[in-house]
Amino acid sequence: MRTSTILFLFLLVMHLLTVLNTLLFEGKLYDLVFWFNSALFMAALAVFVFRRGIFNAKEAHATTETAQKRK
């Protein structure tokens, strides 16, 4: 599954939680929905970082070596 699809699903679930809280519970579960939305956001961020390899140590080491060779 593509990263964009996974992130879109996280966004969809977050939106559904907010809508259900508003329509069914008249906003009474605000704290619980906020907590779940925060957890889903952190999960989406982790998926994005893991899939993109932003904090990949091998890439960081290779970039440092390349910069040192250029000097």
PDB file of N, CA and C in Angstrom:
ATOM      1  N   MET A   1       0.851  -1.170   0.000  1.00  0.00           N
ATOM      2  CA  MET A   1       0.000   0.000   0.000  1.00  0.00           C
ATOM      3  C   MET A   1       0.901   1.238   0.000  1.00  0.00           C
ATOM      4  N   ARG A   2       0.520   2.212  -0.787  1.00  0.00           N
ATOM      5  CA  ARG A   2       1.332   3.420  -0.907  1.00  0.00           C
ATOM      6  C   ARG A   2       1.236   4.263   0.363  1.00  0.00           C
ATOM      7  N   THR A   3       2.273   5.043   0.592  1.00  0.00           N
ATOM      8  CA  THR A   3       2.318   5.906   1.773  1.00  0.00           C
ATOM      9  C   THR A   3       1.178   6.905   1.760  1.00  0.00           C
ATOM     10  N   SER A   4       0.879   7.467   0.612  1.00  0.00           N
ATOM     11  CA  SER A   4      -0.201   8.452   0.535  1.00  0.00           C
ATOM     12  C   SER A   4      -1.546   7.825   0.877  1.00  0.00           C
ATOM     13  N   THR A   5      -1.749   6.571   0.507  1.00  0.00           N
ATOM     14  CA  THR A   5      -2.999   5.884   0.835  1.00  0.00           C
ATOM     15  C   THR A   5      -3.127   5.672   2.339  1.00  0.00           C
ATOM     16  N   ILE A   6      -2.033   5.258   2.966  1.00  0.00           N
ATOM     17  CA  ILE A   6      -2.045   5.052   4.416  1.00  0.00           C
ATOM     18  C   ILE A   6      -2.321   6.364   5.144  1.00  0.00           C
ATOM     19  N   LEU A   7      -1.655   7.434   4.722  1.00  0.00           N
ATOM     20  CA  LEU A   7      -1.868   8.737   5.365  1.00  0.00           C
ATOM     21  C   LEU A   7      -3.294   9.227   5.143  1.00  0.00           C
ATOM     22  N   PHE A   8      -3.840   8.969   3.966  1.00  0.00           N
ATOM     23  CA  PHE A   8      -5.229   9.348   3.702  1.00  0.00           C
ATOM     24  C   PHE A   8      -6.186   8.577   4.605  1.00  0.00           C
ATOM     25  N   LEU A   9      -5.925   7.300   4.838  1.00  0.00           N
ATOM     26  CA  LEU A   9      -6.775   6.508   5.739  1.00  0.00           C
ATOM     27  C   LEU A   9      -6.709   7.035   7.173  1.00  0.00           C
ATOM     28  N   PHE A  10      -5.520   7.412   7.622  1.00  0.00           N
ATOM     29  CA  PHE A  10      -5.402   8.019   8.952  1.00  0.00           C
ATOM     30  C   PHE A  10      -6.234   9.295   9.027  1.00  0.00           C
ATOM     31  N   LEU A  11      -6.137  10.122   8.002  1.00  0.00           N
ATOM     32  CA  LEU A  11      -6.897  11.371   7.956  1.00  0.00           C
ATOM     33  C   LEU A  11      -8.396  11.102   7.951  1.00  0.00           C
ATOM     34  N   LEU A  12      -8.823  10.096   7.205  1.00  0.00           N
ATOM     35  CA  LEU A  12     -10.236   9.738   7.136  1.00  0.00           C
ATOM     36  C   LEU A  12     -10.767   9.284   8.499  1.00  0.00           C
ATOM     37  N   VAL A  13     -10.002   8.462   9.200  1.00  0.00           N
ATOM     38  CA  VAL A  13     -10.423   7.990  10.523  1.00  0.00           C
ATOM     39  C   VAL A  13     -10.504   9.155  11.509  1.00  0.00           C
ATOM     40  N   MET A  14      -9.533  10.060  11.440  1.00  0.00           N
ATOM     41  CA  MET A  14      -9.562  11.224  12.329  1.00  0.00           C
ATOM     42  C   MET A  14     -10.798  12.078  12.066  1.00  0.00           C
ATOM     43  N   HIS A  15     -11.122  12.259  10.804  1.00  0.00           N
ATOM     44  CA  HIS A  15     -12.297  13.062  10.457  1.00  0.00           C
ATOM     45  C   HIS A  15     -13.580  12.369  10.893  1.00  0.00           C
ATOM     46  N   LEU A  16     -13.661  11.058  10.704  1.00  0.00           N
ATOM     47  CA  LEU A  16     -14.854  10.311  11.122  1.00  0.00           C
ATOM     48  C   LEU A  16     -15.065  10.381  12.631  1.00  0.00           C
ATOM     49  N   LEU A  17     -13.985  10.282  13.398  1.00  0.00           N
ATOM     50  CA  LEU A  17     -14.106  10.406  14.854  1.00  0.00           C
ATOM     51  C   LEU A  17     -14.690  11.765  15.244  1.00  0.00           C
ATOM     52  N   THR A  18     -14.209  12.809  14.603  1.00  0.00           N
ATOM     53  CA  THR A  18     -14.687  14.157  14.919  1.00  0.00           C
ATOM     54  C   THR A  18     -16.147  14.322  14.521  1.00  0.00           C
ATOM     55  N   VAL A  19     -16.509  13.829  13.357  1.00  0.00           N
ATOM     56  CA  VAL A  19     -17.900  13.957  12.883  1.00  0.00           C
ATOM     57  C   VAL A  19     -18.848  13.155  13.756  1.00  0.00           C
ATOM     58  N   LEU A  20     -18.463  11.928  14.095  1.00  0.00           N
ATOM     59  CA  LEU A  20     -19.325  11.111  14.959  1.00  0.00           C
ATOM     60  C   LEU A  20     -19.501  11.741  16.332  1.00  0.00           C
ATOM     61  N   ASN A  21     -18.438  12.323  16.864  1.00  0.00           N
ATOM     62  CA  ASN A  21     -18.539  12.990  18.154  1.00  0.00           C
ATOM     63  C   ASN A  21     -19.507  14.165  18.064  1.00  0.00           C
ATOM     64  N   THR A  22     -19.452  14.897  16.980  1.00  0.00           N
ATOM     65  CA  THR A  22     -20.313  16.065  16.823  1.00  0.00           C
ATOM     66  C   THR A  22     -21.767  15.659  16.610  1.00  0.00           C
ATOM     67  N   LEU A  23     -22.005  14.684  15.743  1.00  0.00           N
ATOM     68  CA  LEU A  23     -23.372  14.326  15.388  1.00  0.00           C
ATOM     69  C   LEU A  23     -24.065  13.427  16.409  1.00  0.00           C
ATOM     70  N   LEU A  24     -23.354  12.431  16.913  1.00  0.00           N
ATOM     71  CA  LEU A  24     -23.987  11.470  17.820  1.00  0.00           C
ATOM     72  C   LEU A  24     -23.924  11.886  19.287  1.00  0.00           C
ATOM     73  N   PHE A  25     -22.818  12.464  19.690  1.00  0.00           N
ATOM     74  CA  PHE A  25     -22.622  12.761  21.104  1.00  0.00           C
ATOM     75  C   PHE A  25     -22.643  14.252  21.415  1.00  0.00           C
ATOM     76  N   GLU A  26     -22.966  15.062  20.430  1.00  0.00           N
ATOM     77  CA  GLU A  26     -23.065  16.517  20.579  1.00  0.00           C
ATOM     78  C   GLU A  26     -21.786  17.135  21.153  1.00  0.00           C
ATOM     79  N   GLY A  27     -20.639  16.570  20.815  1.00  0.00           N
ATOM     80  CA  GLY A  27     -19.351  17.112  21.226  1.00  0.00           C
ATOM     81  C   GLY A  27     -18.962  16.814  22.660  1.00  0.00           C
ATOM     82  N   LYS A  28     -19.652  15.910  23.328  1.00  0.00           N
ATOM     83  CA  LYS A  28     -19.365  15.629  24.742  1.00  0.00           C
ATOM     84  C   LYS A  28     -18.084  14.812  24.939  1.00  0.00           C
ATOM     85  N   LEU A  29     -17.636  14.132  23.912  1.00  0.00           N
ATOM     86  CA  LEU A  29     -16.432  13.312  24.032  1.00  0.00           C
ATOM     87  C   LEU A  29     -15.214  14.024  23.457  1.00  0.00           C
ATOM     88  N   TYR A  30     -15.182  15.326  23.613  1.00  0.00           N
ATOM     89  CA  TYR A  30     -14.134  16.131  22.992  1.00  0.00           C
ATOM     90  C   TYR A  30     -12.735  15.683  23.423  1.00  0.00           C
ATOM     91  N   ASP A  31     -12.520  15.478  24.726  1.00  0.00           N
ATOM     92  CA  ASP A  31     -11.193  15.105  25.220  1.00  0.00           C
ATOM     93  C   ASP A  31     -10.752  13.750  24.672  1.00  0.00           C
ATOM     94  N   LEU A  32     -11.667  12.811  24.631  1.00  0.00           N
ATOM     95  CA  LEU A  32     -11.348  11.481  24.121  1.00  0.00           C
ATOM     96  C   LEU A  32     -11.028  11.530  22.623  1.00  0.00           C
ATOM     97  N   VAL A  33     -11.812  12.277  21.882  1.00  0.00           N
ATOM     98  CA  VAL A  33     -11.571  12.416  20.438  1.00  0.00           C
ATOM     99  C   VAL A  33     -10.250  13.132  20.192  1.00  0.00           C
ATOM    100  N   PHE A  34      -9.965  14.152  20.984  1.00  0.00           N
ATOM    101  CA  PHE A  34      -8.689  14.857  20.836  1.00  0.00           C
ATOM    102  C   PHE A  34      -7.525  13.910  21.088  1.00  0.00           C
ATOM    103  N   TRP A  35      -7.646  13.057  22.104  1.00  0.00           N
ATOM    104  CA  TRP A  35      -6.586  12.107  22.423  1.00  0.00           C
ATOM    105  C   TRP A  35      -6.385  11.121  21.281  1.00  0.00           C
ATOM    106  N   PHE A  36      -7.469  10.554  20.769  1.00  0.00           N
ATOM    107  CA  PHE A  36      -7.358   9.604  19.663  1.00  0.00           C
ATOM    108  C   PHE A  36      -6.816  10.266  18.404  1.00  0.00           C
ATOM    109  N   ASN A  37      -7.252  11.485  18.122  1.00  0.00           N
ATOM    110  CA  ASN A  37      -6.743  12.187  16.947  1.00  0.00           C
ATOM    111  C   ASN A  37      -5.254  12.491  17.088  1.00  0.00           C
ATOM    112  N   SER A  38      -4.824  12.820  18.291  1.00  0.00           N
ATOM    113  CA  SER A  38      -3.397  13.062  18.514  1.00  0.00           C
ATOM    114  C   SER A  38      -2.591  11.779  18.311  1.00  0.00           C
ATOM    115  N   ALA A  39      -3.106  10.677  18.814  1.00  0.00           N
ATOM    116  CA  ALA A  39      -2.429   9.387  18.646  1.00  0.00           C
ATOM    117  C   ALA A  39      -2.385   8.985  17.175  1.00  0.00           C
ATOM    118  N   LEU A  40      -3.466   9.202  16.453  1.00  0.00           N
ATOM    119  CA  LEU A  40      -3.487   8.880  15.028  1.00  0.00           C
ATOM    120  C   LEU A  40      -2.534   9.768  14.242  1.00  0.00           C
ATOM    121  N   PHE A  41      -2.435  11.041  14.635  1.00  0.00           N
ATOM    122  CA  PHE A  41      -1.495  11.930  13.967  1.00  0.00           C
ATOM    123  C   PHE A  41      -0.058  11.456  14.181  1.00  0.00           C
ATOM    124  N   MET A  42       0.276  11.068  15.399  1.00  0.00           N
ATOM    125  CA  MET A  42       1.631  10.586  15.674  1.00  0.00           C
ATOM    126  C   MET A  42       1.915   9.286  14.919  1.00  0.00           C
ATOM    127  N   ALA A  43       0.915   8.430  14.791  1.00  0.00           N
ATOM    128  CA  ALA A  43       1.084   7.199  14.020  1.00  0.00           C
ATOM    129  C   ALA A  43       1.317   7.524  12.543  1.00  0.00           C
ATOM    130  N   ALA A  44       0.564   8.473  12.019  1.00  0.00           N
ATOM    131  CA  ALA A  44       0.744   8.878  10.624  1.00  0.00           C
ATOM    132  C   ALA A  44       2.125   9.488  10.410  1.00  0.00           C
ATOM    133  N   LEU A  45       2.574  10.291  11.347  1.00  0.00           N
ATOM    134  CA  LEU A  45       3.903  10.888  11.254  1.00  0.00           C
ATOM    135  C   LEU A  45       4.981   9.807  11.286  1.00  0.00           C
ATOM    136  N   ALA A  46       4.803   8.809  12.139  1.00  0.00           N
ATOM    137  CA  ALA A  46       5.765   7.710  12.217  1.00  0.00           C
ATOM    138  C   ALA A  46       5.800   6.920  10.908  1.00  0.00           C
ATOM    139  N   VAL A  47       4.642   6.670  10.319  1.00  0.00           N
ATOM    140  CA  VAL A  47       4.583   5.966   9.036  1.00  0.00           C
ATOM    141  C   VAL A  47       5.306   6.777   7.966  1.00  0.00           C
ATOM    142  N   PHE A  48       5.056   8.071   7.936  1.00  0.00           N
ATOM    143  CA  PHE A  48       5.686   8.933   6.940  1.00  0.00           C
ATOM    144  C   PHE A  48       7.201   8.939   7.083  1.00  0.00           C
ATOM    145  N   VAL A  49       7.684   9.110   8.305  1.00  0.00           N
ATOM    146  CA  VAL A  49       9.129   9.160   8.549  1.00  0.00           C
ATOM    147  C   VAL A  49       9.761   7.805   8.240  1.00  0.00           C
ATOM    148  N   PHE A  50       9.109   6.724   8.651  1.00  0.00           N
ATOM    149  CA  PHE A  50       9.656   5.385   8.410  1.00  0.00           C
ATOM    150  C   PHE A  50       9.697   5.074   6.916  1.00  0.00           C
ATOM    151  N   ARG A  51       8.634   5.395   6.214  1.00  0.00           N
ATOM    152  CA  ARG A  51       8.574   5.080   4.782  1.00  0.00           C
ATOM    153  C   ARG A  51       9.527   5.942   3.962  1.00  0.00           C
ATOM    154  N   ARG A  52       9.695   7.197   4.346  1.00  0.00           N
ATOM    155  CA  ARG A  52      10.586   8.090   3.592  1.00  0.00           C
ATOM    156  C   ARG A  52      12.050   7.894   3.952  1.00  0.00           C
ATOM    157  N   GLY A  53      12.324   7.273   5.092  1.00  0.00           N
ATOM    158  CA  GLY A  53      13.699   7.046   5.507  1.00  0.00           C
ATOM    159  C   GLY A  53      14.415   8.330   5.879  1.00  0.00           C
ATOM    160  N   ILE A  54      13.695   9.268   6.458  1.00  0.00           N
ATOM    161  CA  ILE A  54      14.268  10.574   6.776  1.00  0.00           C
ATOM    162  C   ILE A  54      15.396  10.444   7.791  1.00  0.00           C
ATOM    163  N   PHE A  55      15.223   9.582   8.771  1.00  0.00           N
ATOM    164  CA  PHE A  55      16.234   9.430   9.813  1.00  0.00           C
ATOM    165  C   PHE A  55      17.026   8.147   9.635  1.00  0.00           C
ATOM    166  N   ASN A  56      17.285   7.796   8.404  1.00  0.00           N
ATOM    167  CA  ASN A  56      18.045   6.597   8.122  1.00  0.00           C
ATOM    168  C   ASN A  56      19.533   6.877   8.356  1.00  0.00           C
ATOM    169  N   ALA A  57      20.137   6.146   9.248  1.00  0.00           N
ATOM    170  CA  ALA A  57      21.530   6.411   9.638  1.00  0.00           C
ATOM    171  C   ALA A  57      22.496   6.158   8.486  1.00  0.00           C
ATOM    172  N   LYS A  58      22.218   5.195   7.634  1.00  0.00           N
ATOM    173  CA  LYS A  58      23.115   4.903   6.520  1.00  0.00           C
ATOM    174  C   LYS A  58      23.171   6.072   5.546  1.00  0.00           C
ATOM    175  N   GLU A  59      22.021   6.669   5.250  1.00  0.00           N
ATOM    176  CA  GLU A  59      21.982   7.802   4.337  1.00  0.00           C
ATOM    177  C   GLU A  59      22.709   9.008   4.941  1.00  0.00           C
ATOM    178  N   ALA A  60      22.532   9.233   6.217  1.00  0.00           N
ATOM    179  CA  ALA A  60      23.197  10.357   6.875  1.00  0.00           C
ATOM    180  C   ALA A  60      24.706  10.162   6.847  1.00  0.00           C
ATOM    181  N   HIS A  61      25.159   8.944   7.074  1.00  0.00           N
ATOM    182  CA  HIS A  61      26.585   8.652   7.057  1.00  0.00           C
ATOM    183  C   HIS A  61      27.148   8.825   5.642  1.00  0.00           C
ATOM    184  N   ALA A  62      26.418   8.374   4.633  1.00  0.00           N
ATOM    185  CA  ALA A  62      26.872   8.507   3.242  1.00  0.00           C
ATOM    186  C   ALA A  62      26.951   9.973   2.836  1.00  0.00           C
ATOM    187  N   THR A  63      26.009  10.779   3.289  1.00  0.00           N
ATOM    188  CA  THR A  63      26.016  12.203   2.971  1.00  0.00           C
ATOM    189  C   THR A  63      27.223  12.882   3.607  1.00  0.00           C
ATOM    190  N   THR A  64      27.559  12.517   4.830  1.00  0.00           N
ATOM    191  CA  THR A  64      28.712  13.087   5.521  1.00  0.00           C
ATOM    192  C   THR A  64      30.007  12.704   4.811  1.00  0.00           C
ATOM    193  N   GLU A  65      30.113  11.452   4.394  1.00  0.00           N
ATOM    194  CA  GLU A  65      31.309  11.009   3.676  1.00  0.00           C
ATOM    195  C   GLU A  65      31.468  11.747   2.359  1.00  0.00           C
ATOM    196  N   THR A  66      30.379  11.949   1.649  1.00  0.00           N
ATOM    197  CA  THR A  66      30.427  12.662   0.368  1.00  0.00           C
ATOM    198  C   THR A  66      30.859  14.103   0.576  1.00  0.00           C
ATOM    199  N   ALA A  67      30.372  14.736   1.613  1.00  0.00           N
ATOM    200  CA  ALA A  67      30.740  16.120   1.897  1.00  0.00           C
ATOM    201  C   ALA A  67      32.218  16.220   2.276  1.00  0.00           C
ATOM    202  N   GLN A  68      32.723  15.220   3.009  1.00  0.00           N
ATOM    203  CA  GLN A  68      34.128  15.247   3.406  1.00  0.00           C
ATOM    204  C   GLN A  68      35.045  15.009   2.206  1.00  0.00           C
ATOM    205  N   LYS A  69      34.628  14.202   1.249  1.00  0.00           N
ATOM    206  CA  LYS A  69      35.432  13.934   0.057  1.00  0.00           C
ATOM    207  C   LYS A  69      35.532  15.175  -0.812  1.00  0.00           C
ATOM    208  N   ARG A  70      34.495  15.992  -0.837  1.00  0.00           N
ATOM    209  CA  ARG A  70      34.492  17.202  -1.665  1.00  0.00           C
ATOM    210  C   ARG A  70      35.451  18.259  -1.144  1.00  0.00           C
ATOM    211  N   LYS A  71      35.733  18.234   0.158  1.00  0.00           N
ATOM    212  CA  LYS A  71      36.645  19.246   0.758  1.00  0.00           C
ATOM    213  C   LYS A  71      38.018  18.944   0.376  1.00  0.00           C
TER     214      LYS A  71
END
